[in-house]
């Protein structure tokens, strides 16, 4: 039993630096992604870009310029 425990530790301990490096890279990339997202959001806010408002305007113009909807009484057999 002692030899299997020693073998498990021999496999696990060399992996610790790799696990820590992976965690560090993950945290750094998460931080960089948050910075990039906030920078893009600031640029879009400064440009007054609002995709929901753009969608609302395009939908409103579609309804304004679309023909009147069909009703069942206007359809003749």
C-alpha atoms as a PDB file:
ATOM      1  CA  UNK A   1       0.000   0.000   0.000  1.00  0.00           C
ATOM      2  CA  UNK A   2       2.845   2.366   0.772  1.00  0.00           C
ATOM      3  CA  UNK A   3       4.357   1.876  -2.664  1.00  0.00           C
ATOM      4  CA  UNK A   4       1.084   2.774  -4.377  1.00  0.00           C
ATOM      5  CA  UNK A   5       0.816   5.933  -2.257  1.00  0.00           C
ATOM      6  CA  UNK A   6       4.383   6.898  -3.133  1.00  0.00           C
ATOM      7  CA  UNK A   7       3.641   6.234  -6.809  1.00  0.00           C
ATOM      8  CA  UNK A   8       0.525   8.415  -6.655  1.00  0.00           C
ATOM      9  CA  UNK A   9       2.485  11.248  -5.041  1.00  0.00           C
ATOM     10  CA  UNK A  10       5.224  10.855  -7.630  1.00  0.00           C
ATOM     11  CA  UNK A  11       2.614  11.463 -10.341  1.00  0.00           C
ATOM     12  CA  UNK A  12       0.697  14.212  -8.522  1.00  0.00           C
ATOM     13  CA  UNK A  13       3.504  16.467  -7.240  1.00  0.00           C
ATOM     14  CA  UNK A  14       5.114  17.170 -10.635  1.00  0.00           C
ATOM     15  CA  UNK A  15       1.676  18.166 -11.954  1.00  0.00           C
ATOM     16  CA  UNK A  16       1.196  20.915  -9.334  1.00  0.00           C
ATOM     17  CA  UNK A  17       3.224  23.581 -11.224  1.00  0.00           C
ATOM     18  CA  UNK A  18       1.273  22.834 -14.397  1.00  0.00           C
ATOM     19  CA  UNK A  19      -2.038  23.155 -12.533  1.00  0.00           C
ATOM     20  CA  UNK A  20      -0.946  26.445 -10.956  1.00  0.00           C
ATOM     21  CA  UNK A  21       0.241  27.768 -14.329  1.00  0.00           C
ATOM     22  CA  UNK A  22      -3.093  26.806 -15.879  1.00  0.00           C
ATOM     23  CA  UNK A  23      -4.980  28.621 -13.106  1.00  0.00           C
ATOM     24  CA  UNK A  24      -2.785  31.713 -13.463  1.00  0.00           C
ATOM     25  CA  UNK A  25      -3.267  31.833 -17.239  1.00  0.00           C
ATOM     26  CA  UNK A  26      -7.000  31.369 -16.815  1.00  0.00           C
ATOM     27  CA  UNK A  27      -7.259  34.215 -14.298  1.00  0.00           C
ATOM     28  CA  UNK A  28      -5.079  36.554 -16.401  1.00  0.00           C
ATOM     29  CA  UNK A  29      -7.097  35.861 -19.554  1.00  0.00           C
ATOM     30  CA  UNK A  30     -10.337  36.402 -17.663  1.00  0.00           C
ATOM     31  CA  UNK A  31      -9.036  39.774 -16.447  1.00  0.00           C
ATOM     32  CA  UNK A  32      -7.884  40.778 -19.943  1.00  0.00           C
ATOM     33  CA  UNK A  33     -11.246  39.742 -21.422  1.00  0.00           C
ATOM     34  CA  UNK A  34     -13.059  41.872 -18.844  1.00  0.00           C
ATOM     35  CA  UNK A  35     -10.848  44.858 -19.711  1.00  0.00           C
ATOM     36  CA  UNK A  36     -11.454  44.397 -23.444  1.00  0.00           C
ATOM     37  CA  UNK A  37     -15.218  44.049 -22.892  1.00  0.00           C
ATOM     38  CA  UNK A  38     -15.376  47.213 -20.811  1.00  0.00           C
ATOM     39  CA  UNK A  39     -13.293  49.102 -23.393  1.00  0.00           C
ATOM     40  CA  UNK A  40     -15.578  48.002 -26.222  1.00  0.00           C
ATOM     41  CA  UNK A  41     -18.644  48.918 -24.160  1.00  0.00           C
ATOM     42  CA  UNK A  42     -17.173  52.364 -23.468  1.00  0.00           C
ATOM     43  CA  UNK A  43     -16.469  52.943 -27.167  1.00  0.00           C
ATOM     44  CA  UNK A  44     -19.983  51.843 -28.132  1.00  0.00           C
ATOM     45  CA  UNK A  45     -21.512  54.048 -25.424  1.00  0.00           C
ATOM     46  CA  UNK A  46     -19.444  56.998 -26.625  1.00  0.00           C
ATOM     47  CA  UNK A  47     -20.642  56.343 -30.190  1.00  0.00           C
ATOM     48  CA  UNK A  48     -24.204  56.146 -28.820  1.00  0.00           C
ATOM     49  CA  UNK A  49     -24.677  52.701 -30.288  1.00  0.00           C
ATOM     50  CA  UNK A  50     -27.654  50.811 -28.906  1.00  0.00           C
ATOM     51  CA  UNK A  51     -28.509  47.628 -30.793  1.00  0.00           C
ATOM     52  CA  UNK A  52     -31.928  47.331 -29.158  1.00  0.00           C
ATOM     53  CA  UNK A  53     -32.829  50.849 -30.236  1.00  0.00           C
ATOM     54  CA  UNK A  54     -31.593  50.088 -33.751  1.00  0.00           C
ATOM     55  CA  UNK A  55     -33.770  46.982 -33.811  1.00  0.00           C
ATOM     56  CA  UNK A  56     -36.737  48.995 -32.522  1.00  0.00           C
ATOM     57  CA  UNK A  57     -36.308  51.622 -35.245  1.00  0.00           C
ATOM     58  CA  UNK A  58     -36.053  49.001 -37.973  1.00  0.00           C
ATOM     59  CA  UNK A  59     -39.137  47.172 -36.665  1.00  0.00           C
ATOM     60  CA  UNK A  60     -41.106  50.419 -36.422  1.00  0.00           C
ATOM     61  CA  UNK A  61     -40.162  51.406 -39.963  1.00  0.00           C
ATOM     62  CA  UNK A  62     -41.178  47.929 -41.135  1.00  0.00           C
ATOM     63  CA  UNK A  63     -44.613  48.313 -39.555  1.00  0.00           C
ATOM     64  CA  UNK A  64     -45.044  51.850 -40.851  1.00  0.00           C
ATOM     65  CA  UNK A  65     -44.148  50.977 -44.433  1.00  0.00           C
ATOM     66  CA  UNK A  66     -45.754  47.541 -44.568  1.00  0.00           C
ATOM     67  CA  UNK A  67     -49.192  47.130 -46.179  1.00  0.00           C
ATOM     68  CA  UNK A  68     -52.230  46.768 -43.989  1.00  0.00           C
ATOM     69  CA  UNK A  69     -52.592  43.324 -42.482  1.00  0.00           C
ATOM     70  CA  UNK A  70     -55.095  40.922 -43.944  1.00  0.00           C
ATOM     71  CA  UNK A  71     -58.351  40.309 -42.204  1.00  0.00           C
ATOM     72  CA  UNK A  72     -60.622  37.344 -42.714  1.00  0.00           C
ATOM     73  CA  UNK A  73     -63.441  39.551 -44.063  1.00  0.00           C
ATOM     74  CA  UNK A  74     -61.262  41.017 -46.809  1.00  0.00           C
ATOM     75  CA  UNK A  75     -60.390  37.628 -48.307  1.00  0.00           C
ATOM     76  CA  UNK A  76     -62.890  36.514 -50.922  1.00  0.00           C
ATOM     77  CA  UNK A  77     -63.301  32.859 -51.882  1.00  0.00           C
END
